[in-house]
Amino acid sequence: MGDVLDVSSVSDGTITPAKLASTLVLDDTPIRTNVNTLDNSVTIAANQNASVIGPIAISSGVTITVNGALTVV
């Protein structure tokens, strides 16, 4: 999908919100956010589950390939 990621191990073996990307919006609330426009094509692999909270707009030319499961709420 064109993303460049740095992969590493958590040195002390613990995962906390502070150690994750800020785009995950993890804090002390159960509320999660997502953008309301899909601008890039995406493929959901057969071994993946995905969800999106709407309403959501899909830009022209964007495709969503679902081999796994996609739930839109």
PDB file of N, CA and C in Angstrom:
ATOM      1  N   MET A   1       0.815  -1.185   0.000  1.00  0.00           N
ATOM      2  CA  MET A   1       0.000   0.000   0.000  1.00  0.00           C
ATOM      3  C   MET A   1       0.864   1.255   0.000  1.00  0.00           C
ATOM      4  N   GLY A   2       2.160   1.096  -0.142  1.00  0.00           N
ATOM      5  CA  GLY A   2       3.010   2.257  -0.215  1.00  0.00           C
ATOM      6  C   GLY A   2       3.487   2.797   1.119  1.00  0.00           C
ATOM      7  N   ASP A   3       3.091   2.172   2.223  1.00  0.00           N
ATOM      8  CA  ASP A   3       3.518   2.636   3.537  1.00  0.00           C
ATOM      9  C   ASP A   3       4.936   2.159   3.822  1.00  0.00           C
ATOM     10  N   VAL A   4       5.713   2.992   4.463  1.00  0.00           N
ATOM     11  CA  VAL A   4       7.045   2.620   4.911  1.00  0.00           C
ATOM     12  C   VAL A   4       6.995   2.564   6.425  1.00  0.00           C
ATOM     13  N   LEU A   5       7.356   1.426   6.980  1.00  0.00           N
ATOM     14  CA  LEU A   5       7.256   1.225   8.420  1.00  0.00           C
ATOM     15  C   LEU A   5       8.599   0.839   9.000  1.00  0.00           C
ATOM     16  N   ASP A   6       8.878   1.335  10.186  1.00  0.00           N
ATOM     17  CA  ASP A   6      10.035   0.882  10.947  1.00  0.00           C
ATOM     18  C   ASP A   6       9.542  -0.189  11.903  1.00  0.00           C
ATOM     19  N   VAL A   7      10.154  -1.332  11.862  1.00  0.00           N
ATOM     20  CA  VAL A   7       9.739  -2.435  12.720  1.00  0.00           C
ATOM     21  C   VAL A   7      10.823  -2.657  13.757  1.00  0.00           C
ATOM     22  N   SER A   8      10.403  -2.743  15.016  1.00  0.00           N
ATOM     23  CA  SER A   8      11.365  -3.005  16.077  1.00  0.00           C
ATOM     24  C   SER A   8      10.656  -3.713  17.209  1.00  0.00           C
ATOM     25  N   SER A   9      11.396  -4.093  18.196  1.00  0.00           N
ATOM     26  CA  SER A   9      10.850  -4.754  19.374  1.00  0.00           C
ATOM     27  C   SER A   9      10.745  -3.750  20.513  1.00  0.00           C
ATOM     28  N   VAL A  10       9.753  -3.965  21.360  1.00  0.00           N
ATOM     29  CA  VAL A  10       9.609  -3.141  22.556  1.00  0.00           C
ATOM     30  C   VAL A  10      10.640  -3.644  23.560  1.00  0.00           C
ATOM     31  N   SER A  11      11.543  -2.757  23.955  1.00  0.00           N
ATOM     32  CA  SER A  11      12.693  -3.187  24.747  1.00  0.00           C
ATOM     33  C   SER A  11      12.327  -3.797  26.096  1.00  0.00           C
ATOM     34  N   ASP A  12      11.275  -3.277  26.731  1.00  0.00           N
ATOM     35  CA  ASP A  12      10.924  -3.826  28.052  1.00  0.00           C
ATOM     36  C   ASP A  12       9.781  -4.836  27.982  1.00  0.00           C
ATOM     37  N   GLY A  13       9.339  -5.189  26.774  1.00  0.00           N
ATOM     38  CA  GLY A  13       8.317  -6.217  26.620  1.00  0.00           C
ATOM     39  C   GLY A  13       6.899  -5.767  26.916  1.00  0.00           C
ATOM     40  N   THR A  14       6.664  -4.477  27.115  1.00  0.00           N
ATOM     41  CA  THR A  14       5.312  -4.006  27.399  1.00  0.00           C
ATOM     42  C   THR A  14       4.834  -3.057  26.306  1.00  0.00           C
ATOM     43  N   ILE A  15       3.557  -3.128  26.012  1.00  0.00           N
ATOM     44  CA  ILE A  15       2.936  -2.238  25.035  1.00  0.00           C
ATOM     45  C   ILE A  15       2.044  -1.271  25.806  1.00  0.00           C
ATOM     46  N   THR A  16       2.277   0.007  25.627  1.00  0.00           N
ATOM     47  CA  THR A  16       1.454   1.036  26.245  1.00  0.00           C
ATOM     48  C   THR A  16       1.034   2.036  25.174  1.00  0.00           C
ATOM     49  N   PRO A  17      -0.033   2.809  25.398  1.00  0.00           N
ATOM     50  CA  PRO A  17      -0.439   3.814  24.406  1.00  0.00           C
ATOM     51  C   PRO A  17       0.688   4.760  24.018  1.00  0.00           C
ATOM     52  N   ALA A  18       1.547   5.109  24.950  1.00  0.00           N
ATOM     53  CA  ALA A  18       2.643   6.036  24.670  1.00  0.00           C
ATOM     54  C   ALA A  18       3.644   5.466  23.671  1.00  0.00           C
ATOM     55  N   LYS A  19       3.713   4.138  23.560  1.00  0.00           N
ATOM     56  CA  LYS A  19       4.661   3.502  22.655  1.00  0.00           C
ATOM     57  C   LYS A  19       4.091   3.257  21.266  1.00  0.00           C
ATOM     58  N   LEU A  20       2.814   3.546  21.066  1.00  0.00           N
ATOM     59  CA  LEU A  20       2.161   3.322  19.784  1.00  0.00           C
ATOM     60  C   LEU A  20       2.034   4.622  19.010  1.00  0.00           C
ATOM     61  N   ALA A  21       1.750   4.520  17.733  1.00  0.00           N
ATOM     62  CA  ALA A  21       1.594   5.708  16.890  1.00  0.00           C
ATOM     63  C   ALA A  21       0.451   6.578  17.403  1.00  0.00           C
ATOM     64  N   SER A  22       0.656   7.870  17.380  1.00  0.00           N
ATOM     65  CA  SER A  22      -0.368   8.800  17.862  1.00  0.00           C
ATOM     66  C   SER A  22      -1.639   8.724  17.041  1.00  0.00           C
ATOM     67  N   THR A  23      -1.569   8.224  15.806  1.00  0.00           N
ATOM     68  CA  THR A  23      -2.762   8.118  14.971  1.00  0.00           C
ATOM     69  C   THR A  23      -3.741   7.067  15.469  1.00  0.00           C
ATOM     70  N   LEU A  24      -3.321   6.219  16.396  1.00  0.00           N
ATOM     71  CA  LEU A  24      -4.237   5.224  16.950  1.00  0.00           C
ATOM     72  C   LEU A  24      -5.190   5.822  17.977  1.00  0.00           C
ATOM     73  N   VAL A  25      -4.929   7.006  18.433  1.00  0.00           N
ATOM     74  CA  VAL A  25      -5.762   7.728  19.386  1.00  0.00           C
ATOM     75  C   VAL A  25      -6.099   6.860  20.594  1.00  0.00           C
ATOM     76  N   LEU A  26      -5.085   6.252  21.168  1.00  0.00           N
ATOM     77  CA  LEU A  26      -5.289   5.449  22.363  1.00  0.00           C
ATOM     78  C   LEU A  26      -5.050   6.314  23.584  1.00  0.00           C
ATOM     79  N   ASP A  27      -6.015   6.356  24.446  1.00  0.00           N
ATOM     80  CA  ASP A  27      -5.880   7.085  25.700  1.00  0.00           C
ATOM     81  C   ASP A  27      -6.780   6.421  26.727  1.00  0.00           C
ATOM     82  N   ASP A  28      -7.236   7.141  27.693  1.00  0.00           N
ATOM     83  CA  ASP A  28      -8.037   6.524  28.749  1.00  0.00           C
ATOM     84  C   ASP A  28      -9.531   6.531  28.445  1.00  0.00           C
ATOM     85  N   THR A  29      -9.924   6.643  27.204  1.00  0.00           N
ATOM     86  CA  THR A  29     -11.326   6.599  26.812  1.00  0.00           C
ATOM     87  C   THR A  29     -11.541   5.487  25.782  1.00  0.00           C
ATOM     88  N   PRO A  30     -12.718   4.898  25.757  1.00  0.00           N
ATOM     89  CA  PRO A  30     -12.978   3.844  24.767  1.00  0.00           C
ATOM     90  C   PRO A  30     -13.328   4.397  23.382  1.00  0.00           C
ATOM     91  N   ILE A  31     -13.304   5.700  23.204  1.00  0.00           N
ATOM     92  CA  ILE A  31     -13.677   6.309  21.930  1.00  0.00           C
ATOM     93  C   ILE A  31     -12.500   6.242  20.956  1.00  0.00           C
ATOM     94  N   ARG A  32     -12.752   5.754  19.769  1.00  0.00           N
ATOM     95  CA  ARG A  32     -11.749   5.690  18.709  1.00  0.00           C
ATOM     96  C   ARG A  32     -12.260   6.521  17.540  1.00  0.00           C
ATOM     97  N   THR A  33     -11.360   7.094  16.787  1.00  0.00           N
ATOM     98  CA  THR A  33     -11.751   7.919  15.653  1.00  0.00           C
ATOM     99  C   THR A  33     -11.175   7.368  14.352  1.00  0.00           C
ATOM    100  N   ASN A  34     -11.840   7.679  13.266  1.00  0.00           N
ATOM    101  CA  ASN A  34     -11.310   7.397  11.942  1.00  0.00           C
ATOM    102  C   ASN A  34     -11.698   8.551  11.018  1.00  0.00           C
ATOM    103  N   VAL A  35     -10.933   8.722   9.949  1.00  0.00           N
ATOM    104  CA  VAL A  35     -11.247   9.773   8.987  1.00  0.00           C
ATOM    105  C   VAL A  35     -12.571   9.440   8.314  1.00  0.00           C
ATOM    106  N   ASN A  36     -13.215  10.452   7.720  1.00  0.00           N
ATOM    107  CA  ASN A  36     -14.515  10.192   7.103  1.00  0.00           C
ATOM    108  C   ASN A  36     -14.466  10.139   5.581  1.00  0.00           C
ATOM    109  N   THR A  37     -13.258  10.125   5.012  1.00  0.00           N
ATOM    110  CA  THR A  37     -13.096   9.962   3.570  1.00  0.00           C
ATOM    111  C   THR A  37     -11.978   8.973   3.309  1.00  0.00           C
ATOM    112  N   LEU A  38     -12.253   7.977   2.461  1.00  0.00           N
ATOM    113  CA  LEU A  38     -11.241   7.001   2.069  1.00  0.00           C
ATOM    114  C   LEU A  38     -10.634   7.470   0.755  1.00  0.00           C
ATOM    115  N   ASP A  39      -9.352   7.837   0.786  1.00  0.00           N
ATOM    116  CA  ASP A  39      -8.665   8.385  -0.384  1.00  0.00           C
ATOM    117  C   ASP A  39      -7.748   7.382  -1.081  1.00  0.00           C
ATOM    118  N   ASN A  40      -7.491   6.237  -0.451  1.00  0.00           N
ATOM    119  CA  ASN A  40      -6.565   5.247  -1.001  1.00  0.00           C
ATOM    120  C   ASN A  40      -7.248   3.895  -1.106  1.00  0.00           C
ATOM    121  N   SER A  41      -6.912   3.152  -2.153  1.00  0.00           N
ATOM    122  CA  SER A  41      -7.441   1.794  -2.291  1.00  0.00           C
ATOM    123  C   SER A  41      -6.895   0.932  -1.165  1.00  0.00           C
ATOM    124  N   VAL A  42      -7.674  -0.065  -0.778  1.00  0.00           N
ATOM    125  CA  VAL A  42      -7.269  -0.929   0.329  1.00  0.00           C
ATOM    126  C   VAL A  42      -7.695  -2.366   0.038  1.00  0.00           C
ATOM    127  N   THR A  43      -6.887  -3.308   0.503  1.00  0.00           N
ATOM    128  CA  THR A  43      -7.217  -4.729   0.408  1.00  0.00           C
ATOM    129  C   THR A  43      -7.240  -5.298   1.819  1.00  0.00           C
ATOM    130  N   ILE A  44      -8.316  -5.990   2.137  1.00  0.00           N
ATOM    131  CA  ILE A  44      -8.441  -6.675   3.426  1.00  0.00           C
ATOM    132  C   ILE A  44      -8.154  -8.143   3.153  1.00  0.00           C
ATOM    133  N   ALA A  45      -7.060  -8.627   3.715  1.00  0.00           N
ATOM    134  CA  ALA A  45      -6.612 -10.000   3.457  1.00  0.00           C
ATOM    135  C   ALA A  45      -7.579 -11.022   4.045  1.00  0.00           C
ATOM    136  N   ALA A  46      -7.486 -12.234   3.554  1.00  0.00           N
ATOM    137  CA  ALA A  46      -8.375 -13.305   3.997  1.00  0.00           C
ATOM    138  C   ALA A  46      -8.267 -13.570   5.494  1.00  0.00           C
ATOM    139  N   ASN A  47      -7.123 -13.291   6.092  1.00  0.00           N
ATOM    140  CA  ASN A  47      -6.934 -13.541   7.521  1.00  0.00           C
ATOM    141  C   ASN A  47      -7.124 -12.278   8.361  1.00  0.00           C
ATOM    142  N   GLN A  48      -7.807 -11.269   7.802  1.00  0.00           N
ATOM    143  CA  GLN A  48      -8.011 -10.009   8.515  1.00  0.00           C
ATOM    144  C   GLN A  48      -9.499  -9.690   8.671  1.00  0.00           C
ATOM    145  N   ASN A  49      -9.810  -8.988   9.755  1.00  0.00           N
ATOM    146  CA  ASN A  49     -11.119  -8.389   9.976  1.00  0.00           C
ATOM    147  C   ASN A  49     -10.916  -6.892   9.996  1.00  0.00           C
ATOM    148  N   ALA A  50     -11.863  -6.143   9.433  1.00  0.00           N
ATOM    149  CA  ALA A  50     -11.748  -4.694   9.405  1.00  0.00           C
ATOM    150  C   ALA A  50     -13.106  -4.081   9.710  1.00  0.00           C
ATOM    151  N   SER A  51     -13.076  -2.856  10.224  1.00  0.00           N
ATOM    152  CA  SER A  51     -14.324  -2.147  10.480  1.00  0.00           C
ATOM    153  C   SER A  51     -14.124  -0.670  10.237  1.00  0.00           C
ATOM    154  N   VAL A  52     -15.208   0.006   9.946  1.00  0.00           N
ATOM    155  CA  VAL A  52     -15.196   1.451   9.767  1.00  0.00           C
ATOM    156  C   VAL A  52     -16.519   1.981  10.312  1.00  0.00           C
ATOM    157  N   ILE A  53     -16.439   3.129  10.965  1.00  0.00           N
ATOM    158  CA  ILE A  53     -17.626   3.790  11.485  1.00  0.00           C
ATOM    159  C   ILE A  53     -17.966   4.916  10.524  1.00  0.00           C
ATOM    160  N   GLY A  54     -19.217   4.994  10.111  1.00  0.00           N
ATOM    161  CA  GLY A  54     -19.633   5.966   9.103  1.00  0.00           C
ATOM    162  C   GLY A  54     -20.361   7.146   9.702  1.00  0.00           C
ATOM    163  N   PRO A  55     -20.820   8.055   8.867  1.00  0.00           N
ATOM    164  CA  PRO A  55     -20.768   7.922   7.412  1.00  0.00           C
ATOM    165  C   PRO A  55     -19.351   8.087   6.887  1.00  0.00           C
ATOM    166  N   ILE A  56     -19.108   7.477   5.722  1.00  0.00           N
ATOM    167  CA  ILE A  56     -17.788   7.556   5.103  1.00  0.00           C
ATOM    168  C   ILE A  56     -17.959   7.760   3.601  1.00  0.00           C
ATOM    169  N   ALA A  57     -17.141   8.612   3.041  1.00  0.00           N
ATOM    170  CA  ALA A  57     -17.129   8.848   1.602  1.00  0.00           C
ATOM    171  C   ALA A  57     -15.949   8.107   1.002  1.00  0.00           C
ATOM    172  N   ILE A  58     -16.143   7.560  -0.194  1.00  0.00           N
ATOM    173  CA  ILE A  58     -15.069   6.860  -0.894  1.00  0.00           C
ATOM    174  C   ILE A  58     -14.740   7.670  -2.136  1.00  0.00           C
ATOM    175  N   SER A  59     -13.517   8.140  -2.215  1.00  0.00           N
ATOM    176  CA  SER A  59     -13.096   8.987  -3.331  1.00  0.00           C
ATOM    177  C   SER A  59     -13.161   8.237  -4.655  1.00  0.00           C
ATOM    178  N   SER A  60     -13.329   8.977  -5.737  1.00  0.00           N
ATOM    179  CA  SER A  60     -13.396   8.418  -7.082  1.00  0.00           C
ATOM    180  C   SER A  60     -12.140   7.624  -7.395  1.00  0.00           C
ATOM    181  N   GLY A  61     -12.307   6.439  -7.975  1.00  0.00           N
ATOM    182  CA  GLY A  61     -11.178   5.605  -8.360  1.00  0.00           C
ATOM    183  C   GLY A  61     -10.648   4.708  -7.268  1.00  0.00           C
ATOM    184  N   VAL A  62     -11.132   4.863  -6.053  1.00  0.00           N
ATOM    185  CA  VAL A  62     -10.682   4.050  -4.926  1.00  0.00           C
ATOM    186  C   VAL A  62     -11.424   2.720  -4.940  1.00  0.00           C
ATOM    187  N   THR A  63     -10.689   1.640  -4.718  1.00  0.00           N
ATOM    188  CA  THR A  63     -11.316   0.325  -4.635  1.00  0.00           C
ATOM    189  C   THR A  63     -11.061  -0.284  -3.259  1.00  0.00           C
ATOM    190  N   ILE A  64     -12.038  -1.077  -2.816  1.00  0.00           N
ATOM    191  CA  ILE A  64     -11.908  -1.831  -1.569  1.00  0.00           C
ATOM    192  C   ILE A  64     -12.040  -3.299  -1.942  1.00  0.00           C
ATOM    193  N   THR A  65     -10.969  -4.052  -1.757  1.00  0.00           N
ATOM    194  CA  THR A  65     -10.999  -5.477  -2.042  1.00  0.00           C
ATOM    195  C   THR A  65     -11.106  -6.204  -0.710  1.00  0.00           C
ATOM    196  N   VAL A  66     -12.183  -6.965  -0.563  1.00  0.00           N
ATOM    197  CA  VAL A  66     -12.440  -7.647   0.703  1.00  0.00           C
ATOM    198  C   VAL A  66     -12.307  -9.149   0.496  1.00  0.00           C
ATOM    199  N   ASN A  67     -11.212  -9.711   0.976  1.00  0.00           N
ATOM    200  CA  ASN A  67     -11.020 -11.151   0.987  1.00  0.00           C
ATOM    201  C   ASN A  67     -11.333 -11.714   2.367  1.00  0.00           C
ATOM    202  N   GLY A  68     -11.268 -10.875   3.384  1.00  0.00           N
ATOM    203  CA  GLY A  68     -11.585 -11.244   4.757  1.00  0.00           C
ATOM    204  C   GLY A  68     -12.974 -10.734   5.098  1.00  0.00           C
ATOM    205  N   ALA A  69     -13.079  -9.958   6.171  1.00  0.00           N
ATOM    206  CA  ALA A  69     -14.371  -9.444   6.619  1.00  0.00           C
ATOM    207  C   ALA A  69     -14.284  -7.940   6.820  1.00  0.00           C
ATOM    208  N   LEU A  70     -15.302  -7.222   6.350  1.00  0.00           N
ATOM    209  CA  LEU A  70     -15.400  -5.783   6.542  1.00  0.00           C
ATOM    210  C   LEU A  70     -16.773  -5.477   7.118  1.00  0.00           C
ATOM    211  N   THR A  71     -16.795  -4.777   8.241  1.00  0.00           N
ATOM    212  CA  THR A  71     -18.043  -4.368   8.863  1.00  0.00           C
ATOM    213  C   THR A  71     -18.107  -2.844   8.850  1.00  0.00           C
ATOM    214  N   VAL A  72     -19.207  -2.299   8.343  1.00  0.00           N
ATOM    215  CA  VAL A  72     -19.427  -0.865   8.322  1.00  0.00           C
ATOM    216  C   VAL A  72     -20.562  -0.574   9.288  1.00  0.00           C
ATOM    217  N   VAL A  73     -20.301   0.294  10.256  1.00  0.00           N
ATOM    218  CA  VAL A  73     -21.311   0.632  11.264  1.00  0.00           C
ATOM    219  C   VAL A  73     -21.707   2.067  11.053  1.00  0.00           C
TER     220      VAL A  73
END
